[in-house]
Amino acid sequence: LLGRIYFHDPLLKRPGTLPQYVNNLV
C-alpha cells in the first residue's frame, strides 16, 4: 500500500510499488 501511495507513476499502467531497496529497508 505504501508503494501504491508514494511511488505511483501515472504514466505506468501497473500500480506503484516500493523499489526493492526501499521495500527491504521498510
PDB file of all heavy atoms in Angstrom:
ATOM      1  N   LEU A   1       0.832  -1.200   0.000  1.00  0.00           N
ATOM      2  CA  LEU A   1       0.000   0.000   0.000  1.00  0.00           C
ATOM      3  C   LEU A   1       0.868   1.252   0.000  1.00  0.00           C
ATOM      4  O   LEU A   1       0.563   2.238  -0.682  1.00  0.00           O
ATOM      5  CB  LEU A   1      -0.918  -0.008   1.222  1.00  0.00           C
ATOM      6  CG  LEU A   1      -1.885   1.169   1.383  1.00  0.00           C
ATOM      7  CD1 LEU A   1      -2.764   1.326   0.146  1.00  0.00           C
ATOM      8  CD2 LEU A   1      -2.740   0.978   2.630  1.00  0.00           C
ATOM      9  N   LEU A   2       1.967   1.235   0.731  1.00  0.00           N
ATOM     10  CA  LEU A   2       2.894   2.370   0.726  1.00  0.00           C
ATOM     11  C   LEU A   2       3.444   2.599  -0.680  1.00  0.00           C
ATOM     12  O   LEU A   2       3.615   3.748  -1.108  1.00  0.00           O
ATOM     13  CB  LEU A   2       4.044   2.104   1.705  1.00  0.00           C
ATOM     14  CG  LEU A   2       3.680   2.078   3.197  1.00  0.00           C
ATOM     15  CD1 LEU A   2       4.868   1.608   4.021  1.00  0.00           C
ATOM     16  CD2 LEU A   2       3.224   3.450   3.661  1.00  0.00           C
ATOM     17  N   GLY A   3       3.723   1.522  -1.394  1.00  0.00           N
ATOM     18  CA  GLY A   3       4.197   1.665  -2.766  1.00  0.00           C
ATOM     19  C   GLY A   3       3.146   2.294  -3.662  1.00  0.00           C
ATOM     20  O   GLY A   3       3.460   3.149  -4.509  1.00  0.00           O
ATOM     21  N   ARG A   4       1.904   1.902  -3.489  1.00  0.00           N
ATOM     22  CA  ARG A   4       0.818   2.464  -4.300  1.00  0.00           C
ATOM     23  C   ARG A   4       0.643   3.950  -4.031  1.00  0.00           C
ATOM     24  O   ARG A   4       0.380   4.731  -4.952  1.00  0.00           O
ATOM     25  CB  ARG A   4      -0.480   1.732  -3.968  1.00  0.00           C
ATOM     26  CG  ARG A   4      -0.544   0.305  -4.498  1.00  0.00           C
ATOM     27  CD  ARG A   4      -1.919   0.048  -5.019  1.00  0.00           C
ATOM     28  NE  ARG A   4      -2.142  -1.325  -5.425  1.00  0.00           N
ATOM     29  CZ  ARG A   4      -3.043  -1.669  -6.323  1.00  0.00           C
ATOM     30  NH1 ARG A   4      -3.764  -0.734  -6.920  1.00  0.00           N
ATOM     31  NH2 ARG A   4      -3.220  -2.926  -6.642  1.00  0.00           N
ATOM     32  N   ILE A   5       0.767   4.352  -2.767  1.00  0.00           N
ATOM     33  CA  ILE A   5       0.506   5.749  -2.402  1.00  0.00           C
ATOM     34  C   ILE A   5       1.670   6.654  -2.785  1.00  0.00           C
ATOM     35  O   ILE A   5       1.482   7.719  -3.386  1.00  0.00           O
ATOM     36  CB  ILE A   5       0.224   5.863  -0.886  1.00  0.00           C
ATOM     37  CG1 ILE A   5      -1.041   5.090  -0.515  1.00  0.00           C
ATOM     38  CG2 ILE A   5       0.082   7.321  -0.467  1.00  0.00           C
ATOM     39  CD1 ILE A   5      -1.273   4.984   0.989  1.00  0.00           C
ATOM     40  N   TYR A   6       2.887   6.227  -2.430  1.00  0.00           N
ATOM     41  CA  TYR A   6       4.023   7.151  -2.506  1.00  0.00           C
ATOM     42  C   TYR A   6       4.952   6.914  -3.696  1.00  0.00           C
ATOM     43  O   TYR A   6       5.859   7.711  -3.931  1.00  0.00           O
ATOM     44  CB  TYR A   6       4.827   7.072  -1.200  1.00  0.00           C
ATOM     45  CG  TYR A   6       4.023   7.540  -0.006  1.00  0.00           C
ATOM     46  CD1 TYR A   6       3.524   6.637   0.925  1.00  0.00           C
ATOM     47  CD2 TYR A   6       3.733   8.888   0.172  1.00  0.00           C
ATOM     48  CE1 TYR A   6       2.772   7.059   2.013  1.00  0.00           C
ATOM     49  CE2 TYR A   6       2.976   9.321   1.252  1.00  0.00           C
ATOM     50  CZ  TYR A   6       2.503   8.401   2.158  1.00  0.00           C
ATOM     51  OH  TYR A   6       1.748   8.836   3.231  1.00  0.00           O
ATOM     52  N   PHE A   7       4.759   5.839  -4.445  1.00  0.00           N
ATOM     53  CA  PHE A   7       5.618   5.570  -5.599  1.00  0.00           C
ATOM     54  C   PHE A   7       4.789   5.291  -6.844  1.00  0.00           C
ATOM     55  O   PHE A   7       5.198   4.526  -7.722  1.00  0.00           O
ATOM     56  CB  PHE A   7       6.565   4.389  -5.291  1.00  0.00           C
ATOM     57  CG  PHE A   7       7.605   4.723  -4.267  1.00  0.00           C
ATOM     58  CD1 PHE A   7       7.323   4.607  -2.911  1.00  0.00           C
ATOM     59  CD2 PHE A   7       8.864   5.169  -4.641  1.00  0.00           C
ATOM     60  CE1 PHE A   7       8.271   4.926  -1.955  1.00  0.00           C
ATOM     61  CE2 PHE A   7       9.820   5.491  -3.691  1.00  0.00           C
ATOM     62  CZ  PHE A   7       9.527   5.364  -2.343  1.00  0.00           C
ATOM     63  N   HIS A   8       3.642   5.933  -6.920  1.00  0.00           N
ATOM     64  CA  HIS A   8       2.768   5.761  -8.075  1.00  0.00           C
ATOM     65  C   HIS A   8       3.196   6.679  -9.211  1.00  0.00           C
ATOM     66  O   HIS A   8       3.392   7.880  -9.015  1.00  0.00           O
ATOM     67  CB  HIS A   8       1.320   6.054  -7.692  1.00  0.00           C
ATOM     68  CG  HIS A   8       0.382   6.027  -8.866  1.00  0.00           C
ATOM     69  ND1 HIS A   8       0.136   4.875  -9.584  1.00  0.00           N
ATOM     70  CD2 HIS A   8      -0.361   7.015  -9.444  1.00  0.00           C
ATOM     71  CE1 HIS A   8      -0.714   5.148 -10.546  1.00  0.00           C
ATOM     72  NE2 HIS A   8      -1.028   6.431 -10.494  1.00  0.00           N
ATOM     73  N   ASP A   9       3.356   6.115 -10.376  1.00  0.00           N
ATOM     74  CA  ASP A   9       3.683   6.884 -11.578  1.00  0.00           C
ATOM     75  C   ASP A   9       2.481   6.803 -12.516  1.00  0.00           C
ATOM     76  O   ASP A   9       2.166   5.728 -13.038  1.00  0.00           O
ATOM     77  CB  ASP A   9       4.921   6.312 -12.262  1.00  0.00           C
ATOM     78  CG  ASP A   9       5.399   7.191 -13.419  1.00  0.00           C
ATOM     79  OD1 ASP A   9       4.591   8.014 -13.914  1.00  0.00           O
ATOM     80  OD2 ASP A   9       6.563   7.036 -13.832  1.00  0.00           O
ATOM     81  N   PRO A  10       1.776   7.922 -12.744  1.00  0.00           N
ATOM     82  CA  PRO A  10       0.565   7.873 -13.570  1.00  0.00           C
ATOM     83  C   PRO A  10       0.823   7.449 -15.007  1.00  0.00           C
ATOM     84  O   PRO A  10      -0.103   7.047 -15.712  1.00  0.00           O
ATOM     85  CB  PRO A  10       0.044   9.324 -13.504  1.00  0.00           C
ATOM     86  CG  PRO A  10       1.223  10.142 -13.102  1.00  0.00           C
ATOM     87  CD  PRO A  10       2.066   9.267 -12.240  1.00  0.00           C
ATOM     88  N   LEU A  11       2.092   7.508 -15.467  1.00  0.00           N
ATOM     89  CA  LEU A  11       2.400   7.107 -16.838  1.00  0.00           C
ATOM     90  C   LEU A  11       2.472   5.586 -16.993  1.00  0.00           C
ATOM     91  O   LEU A  11       2.399   5.078 -18.097  1.00  0.00           O
ATOM     92  CB  LEU A  11       3.735   7.734 -17.288  1.00  0.00           C
ATOM     93  CG  LEU A  11       3.764   9.269 -17.331  1.00  0.00           C
ATOM     94  CD1 LEU A  11       5.143   9.748 -17.755  1.00  0.00           C
ATOM     95  CD2 LEU A  11       2.696   9.799 -18.287  1.00  0.00           C
ATOM     96  N   LEU A  12       2.654   4.895 -15.836  1.00  0.00           N
ATOM     97  CA  LEU A  12       2.724   3.442 -15.886  1.00  0.00           C
ATOM     98  C   LEU A  12       1.331   2.843 -15.763  1.00  0.00           C
ATOM     99  O   LEU A  12       0.464   3.376 -15.081  1.00  0.00           O
ATOM    100  CB  LEU A  12       3.614   2.918 -14.743  1.00  0.00           C
ATOM    101  CG  LEU A  12       5.091   3.330 -14.777  1.00  0.00           C
ATOM    102  CD1 LEU A  12       5.816   2.798 -13.550  1.00  0.00           C
ATOM    103  CD2 LEU A  12       5.770   2.822 -16.048  1.00  0.00           C
ATOM    104  N   LYS A  13       1.125   1.745 -16.434  1.00  0.00           N
ATOM    105  CA  LYS A  13      -0.179   1.101 -16.390  1.00  0.00           C
ATOM    106  C   LYS A  13      -0.366   0.265 -15.128  1.00  0.00           C
ATOM    107  O   LYS A  13      -1.477   0.044 -14.687  1.00  0.00           O
ATOM    108  CB  LYS A  13      -0.369   0.221 -17.634  1.00  0.00           C
ATOM    109  CG  LYS A  13      -0.430   1.010 -18.932  1.00  0.00           C
ATOM    110  CD  LYS A  13      -0.671   0.083 -20.123  1.00  0.00           C
ATOM    111  CE  LYS A  13      -0.739   0.890 -21.408  1.00  0.00           C
ATOM    112  NZ  LYS A  13      -0.989   0.004 -22.583  1.00  0.00           N
ATOM    113  N   ARG A  14       0.764  -0.209 -14.556  1.00  0.00           N
ATOM    114  CA  ARG A  14       0.661  -1.028 -13.340  1.00  0.00           C
ATOM    115  C   ARG A  14       0.697  -0.138 -12.099  1.00  0.00           C
ATOM    116  O   ARG A  14       1.224   0.968 -12.135  1.00  0.00           O
ATOM    117  CB  ARG A  14       1.806  -2.050 -13.278  1.00  0.00           C
ATOM    118  CG  ARG A  14       1.732  -3.100 -14.377  1.00  0.00           C
ATOM    119  CD  ARG A  14       2.789  -4.176 -14.164  1.00  0.00           C
ATOM    120  NE  ARG A  14       2.577  -4.927 -12.933  1.00  0.00           N
ATOM    121  CZ  ARG A  14       1.752  -5.966 -12.827  1.00  0.00           C
ATOM    122  NH1 ARG A  14       1.052  -6.367 -13.881  1.00  0.00           N
ATOM    123  NH2 ARG A  14       1.622  -6.610 -11.692  1.00  0.00           N
ATOM    124  N   PRO A  15       0.140  -0.637 -10.980  1.00  0.00           N
ATOM    125  CA  PRO A  15       0.176   0.141  -9.739  1.00  0.00           C
ATOM    126  C   PRO A  15       1.603   0.396  -9.279  1.00  0.00           C
ATOM    127  O   PRO A  15       2.523  -0.370  -9.592  1.00  0.00           O
ATOM    128  CB  PRO A  15      -0.573  -0.752  -8.741  1.00  0.00           C
ATOM    129  CG  PRO A  15      -1.353  -1.704  -9.576  1.00  0.00           C
ATOM    130  CD  PRO A  15      -0.572  -1.903 -10.835  1.00  0.00           C
ATOM    131  N   GLY A  16       1.787   1.465  -8.515  1.00  0.00           N
ATOM    132  CA  GLY A  16       3.100   1.776  -7.986  1.00  0.00           C
ATOM    133  C   GLY A  16       3.553   0.740  -6.965  1.00  0.00           C
ATOM    134  O   GLY A  16       2.745   0.150  -6.252  1.00  0.00           O
ATOM    135  N   THR A  17       4.852   0.498  -6.913  1.00  0.00           N
ATOM    136  CA  THR A  17       5.420  -0.451  -5.951  1.00  0.00           C
ATOM    137  C   THR A  17       6.645   0.177  -5.304  1.00  0.00           C
ATOM    138  O   THR A  17       7.305   1.042  -5.900  1.00  0.00           O
ATOM    139  CB  THR A  17       5.830  -1.773  -6.620  1.00  0.00           C
ATOM    140  OG1 THR A  17       6.804  -1.493  -7.645  1.00  0.00           O
ATOM    141  CG2 THR A  17       4.632  -2.470  -7.237  1.00  0.00           C
ATOM    142  N   LEU A  18       6.950  -0.276  -4.104  1.00  0.00           N
ATOM    143  CA  LEU A  18       8.173   0.174  -3.454  1.00  0.00           C
ATOM    144  C   LEU A  18       9.374  -0.377  -4.205  1.00  0.00           C
ATOM    145  O   LEU A  18       9.404  -1.573  -4.534  1.00  0.00           O
ATOM    146  CB  LEU A  18       8.220  -0.322  -2.005  1.00  0.00           C
ATOM    147  CG  LEU A  18       7.244   0.297  -1.003  1.00  0.00           C
ATOM    148  CD1 LEU A  18       7.387  -0.401   0.348  1.00  0.00           C
ATOM    149  CD2 LEU A  18       7.458   1.787  -0.853  1.00  0.00           C
ATOM    150  N   PRO A  19      10.373   0.452  -4.510  1.00  0.00           N
ATOM    151  CA  PRO A  19      11.615  -0.100  -5.057  1.00  0.00           C
ATOM    152  C   PRO A  19      12.163  -1.172  -4.124  1.00  0.00           C
ATOM    153  O   PRO A  19      11.933  -1.124  -2.913  1.00  0.00           O
ATOM    154  CB  PRO A  19      12.539   1.129  -5.125  1.00  0.00           C
ATOM    155  CG  PRO A  19      11.616   2.299  -5.165  1.00  0.00           C
ATOM    156  CD  PRO A  19      10.417   1.915  -4.363  1.00  0.00           C
ATOM    157  N   GLN A  20      12.900  -2.124  -4.684  1.00  0.00           N
ATOM    158  CA  GLN A  20      13.361  -3.265  -3.883  1.00  0.00           C
ATOM    159  C   GLN A  20      14.131  -2.812  -2.649  1.00  0.00           C
ATOM    160  O   GLN A  20      13.916  -3.327  -1.540  1.00  0.00           O
ATOM    161  CB  GLN A  20      14.241  -4.174  -4.745  1.00  0.00           C
ATOM    162  CG  GLN A  20      14.698  -5.449  -4.049  1.00  0.00           C
ATOM    163  CD  GLN A  20      13.569  -6.395  -3.736  1.00  0.00           C
ATOM    164  OE1 GLN A  20      12.726  -6.637  -4.579  1.00  0.00           O
ATOM    165  NE2 GLN A  20      13.529  -6.928  -2.524  1.00  0.00           N
ATOM    166  N   TYR A  21      15.035  -1.839  -2.801  1.00  0.00           N
ATOM    167  CA  TYR A  21      15.842  -1.419  -1.658  1.00  0.00           C
ATOM    168  C   TYR A  21      14.988  -0.708  -0.608  1.00  0.00           C
ATOM    169  O   TYR A  21      15.234  -0.836   0.603  1.00  0.00           O
ATOM    170  CB  TYR A  21      17.003  -0.524  -2.111  1.00  0.00           C
ATOM    171  CG  TYR A  21      16.609   0.883  -2.496  1.00  0.00           C
ATOM    172  CD1 TYR A  21      16.667   1.930  -1.576  1.00  0.00           C
ATOM    173  CD2 TYR A  21      16.184   1.186  -3.793  1.00  0.00           C
ATOM    174  CE1 TYR A  21      16.307   3.219  -1.929  1.00  0.00           C
ATOM    175  CE2 TYR A  21      15.820   2.460  -4.147  1.00  0.00           C
ATOM    176  CZ  TYR A  21      15.884   3.478  -3.219  1.00  0.00           C
ATOM    177  OH  TYR A  21      15.519   4.762  -3.567  1.00  0.00           O
ATOM    178  N   VAL A  22      13.952   0.020  -1.052  1.00  0.00           N
ATOM    179  CA  VAL A  22      13.056   0.682  -0.101  1.00  0.00           C
ATOM    180  C   VAL A  22      12.195  -0.354   0.621  1.00  0.00           C
ATOM    181  O   VAL A  22      11.990  -0.281   1.839  1.00  0.00           O
ATOM    182  CB  VAL A  22      12.163   1.717  -0.808  1.00  0.00           C
ATOM    183  CG1 VAL A  22      11.162   2.335   0.179  1.00  0.00           C
ATOM    184  CG2 VAL A  22      13.017   2.805  -1.440  1.00  0.00           C
ATOM    185  N   ASN A  23      11.720  -1.345  -0.129  1.00  0.00           N
ATOM    186  CA  ASN A  23      10.914  -2.399   0.489  1.00  0.00           C
ATOM    187  C   ASN A  23      11.720  -3.153   1.542  1.00  0.00           C
ATOM    188  O   ASN A  23      11.228  -3.420   2.644  1.00  0.00           O
ATOM    189  CB  ASN A  23      10.427  -3.373  -0.583  1.00  0.00           C
ATOM    190  CG  ASN A  23       9.589  -4.498  -0.010  1.00  0.00           C
ATOM    191  OD1 ASN A  23       8.448  -4.315   0.398  1.00  0.00           O
ATOM    192  ND2 ASN A  23      10.160  -5.691   0.040  1.00  0.00           N
ATOM    193  N   ASN A  24      12.970  -3.476   1.215  1.00  0.00           N
ATOM    194  CA  ASN A  24      13.819  -4.176   2.177  1.00  0.00           C
ATOM    195  C   ASN A  24      14.115  -3.312   3.394  1.00  0.00           C
ATOM    196  O   ASN A  24      14.194  -3.805   4.518  1.00  0.00           O
ATOM    197  CB  ASN A  24      15.125  -4.613   1.518  1.00  0.00           C
ATOM    198  CG  ASN A  24      14.914  -5.745   0.535  1.00  0.00           C
ATOM    199  OD1 ASN A  24      13.905  -6.431   0.561  1.00  0.00           O
ATOM    200  ND2 ASN A  24      15.873  -5.925  -0.365  1.00  0.00           N
ATOM    201  N   LEU A  25      14.265  -1.995   3.163  1.00  0.00           N
ATOM    202  CA  LEU A  25      14.534  -1.084   4.272  1.00  0.00           C
ATOM    203  C   LEU A  25      13.320  -0.975   5.190  1.00  0.00           C
ATOM    204  O   LEU A  25      13.435  -1.092   6.415  1.00  0.00           O
ATOM    205  CB  LEU A  25      14.904   0.299   3.732  1.00  0.00           C
ATOM    206  CG  LEU A  25      15.348   1.352   4.753  1.00  0.00           C
ATOM    207  CD1 LEU A  25      16.623   0.897   5.452  1.00  0.00           C
ATOM    208  CD2 LEU A  25      15.579   2.699   4.068  1.00  0.00           C
ATOM    209  N   VAL A  26      12.151  -0.759   4.600  1.00  0.00           N
ATOM    210  CA  VAL A  26      10.922  -0.639   5.390  1.00  0.00           C
ATOM    211  C   VAL A  26      10.647  -1.932   6.158  1.00  0.00           C
ATOM    212  O   VAL A  26      10.253  -1.907   7.326  1.00  0.00           O
ATOM    213  CB  VAL A  26       9.727  -0.286   4.479  1.00  0.00           C
ATOM    214  CG1 VAL A  26       8.407  -0.416   5.231  1.00  0.00           C
ATOM    215  CG2 VAL A  26       9.876   1.133   3.938  1.00  0.00           C
TER     216      VAL A  26
END
